[in-house]
């Protein structure tokens, strides 16, 4: 975190992703994503056995944006 605030929400996604654990796969998506698109993104690698760890929602889906919300597969009811 460049300003040493310790608050991930204040940093661009590119800075926050530096702290990802090995094997974690976060996908950047734009704020206007629909529920159906979000579910598809999180489950798209299911057949290959590689599920996304989370969706990082930003205004435009770019690494330079600040994160608005983090969505994990467990967010959705089964």
N, C-alpha and C. Protein backbone atom coordinates (compact mmCIF):
# COMPACT_ATOMS: atom_id res chain seq x y z
N UNK A 1 0.84 -1.16 0.00
CA UNK A 1 0.00 0.00 0.00
C UNK A 1 0.90 1.24 0.00
N UNK A 2 0.79 2.00 -1.01
CA UNK A 2 1.74 3.09 -1.21
C UNK A 2 1.65 4.18 -0.16
N UNK A 3 0.47 4.48 0.33
CA UNK A 3 0.33 5.56 1.32
C UNK A 3 0.40 5.02 2.74
N UNK A 4 0.62 3.71 2.85
CA UNK A 4 0.75 3.07 4.16
C UNK A 4 -0.48 3.28 5.02
N UNK A 5 -1.66 3.28 4.39
CA UNK A 5 -2.89 3.42 5.16
C UNK A 5 -3.36 2.09 5.70
N UNK A 6 -2.96 1.00 5.01
CA UNK A 6 -3.38 -0.32 5.45
C UNK A 6 -4.80 -0.66 5.04
N UNK A 7 -5.45 0.19 4.27
CA UNK A 7 -6.82 -0.04 3.85
C UNK A 7 -6.83 -0.35 2.36
N UNK A 8 -7.15 -1.60 2.02
CA UNK A 8 -7.08 -2.04 0.62
C UNK A 8 -8.03 -1.26 -0.28
N UNK A 9 -9.16 -0.84 0.24
CA UNK A 9 -10.15 -0.13 -0.56
C UNK A 9 -9.64 1.21 -1.08
N UNK A 10 -8.59 1.73 -0.50
CA UNK A 10 -8.06 3.03 -0.92
C UNK A 10 -6.96 2.90 -1.96
N UNK A 11 -6.60 1.68 -2.31
CA UNK A 11 -5.50 1.44 -3.24
C UNK A 11 -6.01 0.90 -4.56
N UNK A 12 -5.29 1.15 -5.65
CA UNK A 12 -5.65 0.53 -6.92
C UNK A 12 -5.54 -0.99 -6.82
N UNK A 13 -6.33 -1.68 -7.59
CA UNK A 13 -6.33 -3.14 -7.57
C UNK A 13 -4.93 -3.70 -7.83
N UNK A 14 -4.18 -3.08 -8.72
CA UNK A 14 -2.84 -3.57 -9.04
C UNK A 14 -1.96 -3.65 -7.79
N UNK A 15 -2.13 -2.74 -6.86
CA UNK A 15 -1.35 -2.77 -5.62
C UNK A 15 -1.86 -3.86 -4.69
N UNK A 16 -3.16 -4.00 -4.60
CA UNK A 16 -3.76 -5.00 -3.70
C UNK A 16 -3.40 -6.41 -4.15
N UNK A 17 -3.39 -6.65 -5.46
CA UNK A 17 -3.11 -8.00 -5.98
C UNK A 17 -1.70 -8.48 -5.68
N UNK A 18 -0.82 -7.58 -5.33
CA UNK A 18 0.55 -7.99 -4.94
C UNK A 18 0.54 -8.87 -3.70
N UNK A 19 -0.53 -8.81 -2.93
CA UNK A 19 -0.62 -9.56 -1.68
C UNK A 19 -1.40 -10.87 -1.83
N UNK A 20 -1.76 -11.23 -3.05
CA UNK A 20 -2.49 -12.47 -3.29
C UNK A 20 -1.61 -13.67 -2.95
N UNK A 21 -2.23 -14.71 -2.44
CA UNK A 21 -1.53 -15.95 -2.13
C UNK A 21 -1.30 -16.74 -3.42
N UNK A 22 -0.26 -17.56 -3.46
CA UNK A 22 -0.05 -18.42 -4.63
C UNK A 22 -1.28 -19.31 -4.87
N UNK A 23 -1.68 -19.42 -6.10
CA UNK A 23 -2.83 -20.25 -6.44
C UNK A 23 -4.16 -19.52 -6.42
N UNK A 24 -4.19 -18.32 -5.87
CA UNK A 24 -5.43 -17.55 -5.87
C UNK A 24 -5.62 -16.90 -7.23
N UNK A 25 -6.85 -16.95 -7.72
CA UNK A 25 -7.14 -16.35 -9.02
C UNK A 25 -8.31 -15.39 -8.87
N UNK A 26 -8.01 -14.12 -8.90
CA UNK A 26 -9.04 -13.09 -8.84
C UNK A 26 -9.28 -12.56 -10.24
N UNK A 27 -10.53 -12.30 -10.56
CA UNK A 27 -10.91 -11.81 -11.87
C UNK A 27 -11.47 -10.40 -11.71
N UNK A 28 -10.95 -9.46 -12.48
CA UNK A 28 -11.45 -8.09 -12.46
C UNK A 28 -12.68 -7.98 -13.33
N UNK A 29 -13.71 -7.33 -12.82
CA UNK A 29 -14.94 -7.12 -13.59
C UNK A 29 -15.44 -5.70 -13.37
N UNK A 30 -16.21 -5.21 -14.33
CA UNK A 30 -16.76 -3.85 -14.24
C UNK A 30 -17.96 -3.82 -13.29
N UNK A 31 -18.26 -2.66 -12.82
CA UNK A 31 -19.35 -2.46 -11.86
C UNK A 31 -20.71 -2.89 -12.41
N UNK A 32 -20.90 -2.77 -13.71
CA UNK A 32 -22.20 -3.07 -14.33
C UNK A 32 -22.42 -4.56 -14.57
N UNK A 33 -21.59 -5.44 -14.02
CA UNK A 33 -21.75 -6.88 -14.22
C UNK A 33 -23.10 -7.35 -13.67
N UNK A 34 -23.72 -8.27 -14.38
CA UNK A 34 -25.00 -8.82 -13.90
C UNK A 34 -24.73 -10.03 -13.01
N UNK A 35 -25.74 -10.45 -12.28
CA UNK A 35 -25.62 -11.63 -11.42
C UNK A 35 -25.28 -12.87 -12.26
N UNK A 36 -25.94 -13.01 -13.41
CA UNK A 36 -25.68 -14.16 -14.28
C UNK A 36 -24.23 -14.14 -14.77
N UNK A 37 -23.75 -12.98 -15.17
CA UNK A 37 -22.35 -12.87 -15.62
C UNK A 37 -21.39 -13.21 -14.48
N UNK A 38 -21.69 -12.74 -13.29
CA UNK A 38 -20.82 -13.01 -12.14
C UNK A 38 -20.76 -14.51 -11.84
N UNK A 39 -21.90 -15.17 -11.86
CA UNK A 39 -21.92 -16.62 -11.61
C UNK A 39 -21.14 -17.34 -12.70
N UNK A 40 -21.33 -16.93 -13.94
CA UNK A 40 -20.59 -17.57 -15.05
C UNK A 40 -19.09 -17.36 -14.90
N UNK A 41 -18.68 -16.18 -14.51
CA UNK A 41 -17.25 -15.90 -14.34
C UNK A 41 -16.65 -16.75 -13.23
N UNK A 42 -17.39 -16.89 -12.13
CA UNK A 42 -16.86 -17.66 -11.00
C UNK A 42 -16.84 -19.15 -11.28
N UNK A 43 -17.69 -19.63 -12.15
CA UNK A 43 -17.77 -21.07 -12.39
C UNK A 43 -17.21 -21.49 -13.74
N UNK A 44 -16.65 -20.56 -14.52
CA UNK A 44 -16.21 -20.87 -15.88
C UNK A 44 -15.11 -21.92 -15.94
N UNK A 45 -14.28 -22.05 -14.94
CA UNK A 45 -13.21 -23.05 -14.96
C UNK A 45 -13.56 -24.33 -14.25
N UNK A 46 -14.81 -24.50 -13.88
CA UNK A 46 -15.22 -25.65 -13.07
C UNK A 46 -14.84 -26.98 -13.72
N UNK A 47 -15.10 -27.16 -15.01
CA UNK A 47 -14.81 -28.43 -15.67
C UNK A 47 -13.31 -28.72 -15.69
N UNK A 48 -12.51 -27.69 -15.75
CA UNK A 48 -11.06 -27.86 -15.74
C UNK A 48 -10.52 -27.97 -14.32
N UNK A 49 -11.40 -27.82 -13.33
CA UNK A 49 -10.98 -27.89 -11.93
C UNK A 49 -10.29 -26.65 -11.43
N UNK A 50 -10.48 -25.53 -12.11
CA UNK A 50 -9.82 -24.28 -11.72
C UNK A 50 -10.86 -23.19 -11.53
N UNK A 51 -11.47 -23.16 -10.39
CA UNK A 51 -12.45 -22.11 -10.10
C UNK A 51 -11.74 -20.82 -9.74
N UNK A 52 -12.36 -19.71 -10.06
CA UNK A 52 -11.82 -18.41 -9.65
C UNK A 52 -11.99 -18.28 -8.15
N UNK A 53 -11.03 -17.68 -7.51
CA UNK A 53 -11.10 -17.45 -6.07
C UNK A 53 -12.10 -16.36 -5.76
N UNK A 54 -12.12 -15.30 -6.60
CA UNK A 54 -13.00 -14.17 -6.33
C UNK A 54 -13.13 -13.27 -7.55
N UNK A 55 -14.17 -12.46 -7.52
CA UNK A 55 -14.32 -11.37 -8.49
C UNK A 55 -13.99 -10.09 -7.75
N UNK A 56 -13.20 -9.25 -8.36
CA UNK A 56 -12.94 -7.92 -7.82
C UNK A 56 -13.70 -6.95 -8.70
N UNK A 57 -14.69 -6.31 -8.13
CA UNK A 57 -15.53 -5.38 -8.88
C UNK A 57 -14.95 -3.98 -8.74
N UNK A 58 -14.72 -3.36 -9.91
CA UNK A 58 -14.25 -1.97 -9.95
C UNK A 58 -15.17 -1.19 -10.89
N UNK A 59 -14.99 0.09 -10.95
CA UNK A 59 -15.84 0.93 -11.80
C UNK A 59 -15.79 0.48 -13.26
N UNK A 60 -14.59 0.25 -13.78
CA UNK A 60 -14.45 -0.10 -15.20
C UNK A 60 -13.82 -1.46 -15.44
N UNK A 61 -13.45 -2.18 -14.38
CA UNK A 61 -12.82 -3.48 -14.54
C UNK A 61 -11.34 -3.41 -14.85
N UNK A 62 -10.71 -2.29 -14.56
CA UNK A 62 -9.28 -2.10 -14.83
C UNK A 62 -8.45 -2.21 -13.55
N UNK A 63 -7.21 -2.62 -13.72
CA UNK A 63 -6.30 -2.77 -12.58
C UNK A 63 -5.97 -1.44 -11.91
N UNK A 64 -6.18 -0.34 -12.60
CA UNK A 64 -5.87 0.96 -12.04
C UNK A 64 -7.02 1.52 -11.20
N UNK A 65 -8.18 0.87 -11.24
CA UNK A 65 -9.34 1.30 -10.45
C UNK A 65 -9.19 0.87 -8.99
N UNK A 66 -9.94 1.54 -8.13
CA UNK A 66 -10.01 1.11 -6.74
C UNK A 66 -11.09 0.03 -6.63
N UNK A 67 -10.87 -0.98 -5.78
CA UNK A 67 -11.87 -2.03 -5.63
C UNK A 67 -13.13 -1.49 -4.96
N UNK A 68 -14.28 -1.89 -5.49
CA UNK A 68 -15.56 -1.50 -4.91
C UNK A 68 -16.16 -2.63 -4.07
N UNK A 69 -15.94 -3.85 -4.53
CA UNK A 69 -16.52 -5.01 -3.85
C UNK A 69 -15.75 -6.25 -4.24
N UNK A 70 -15.67 -7.20 -3.32
CA UNK A 70 -15.07 -8.50 -3.55
C UNK A 70 -16.18 -9.53 -3.45
N UNK A 71 -16.29 -10.38 -4.47
CA UNK A 71 -17.34 -11.41 -4.47
C UNK A 71 -16.66 -12.77 -4.60
N UNK A 72 -16.93 -13.65 -3.65
CA UNK A 72 -16.38 -15.00 -3.65
C UNK A 72 -17.48 -15.99 -4.00
N UNK A 73 -17.12 -17.19 -4.44
CA UNK A 73 -18.14 -18.19 -4.78
C UNK A 73 -19.12 -18.47 -3.64
N UNK A 74 -18.67 -18.35 -2.41
CA UNK A 74 -19.55 -18.61 -1.27
C UNK A 74 -20.57 -17.49 -1.04
N UNK A 75 -20.45 -16.39 -1.78
CA UNK A 75 -21.39 -15.28 -1.66
C UNK A 75 -22.79 -15.68 -2.15
N UNK A 76 -22.81 -16.57 -3.15
CA UNK A 76 -24.07 -16.97 -3.77
C UNK A 76 -24.66 -18.19 -3.07
N UNK A 77 -25.96 -18.21 -2.84
CA UNK A 77 -26.58 -19.39 -2.24
C UNK A 77 -26.57 -20.56 -3.22
N UNK A 78 -26.45 -21.73 -2.69
CA UNK A 78 -26.43 -22.94 -3.54
C UNK A 78 -27.84 -23.34 -3.93
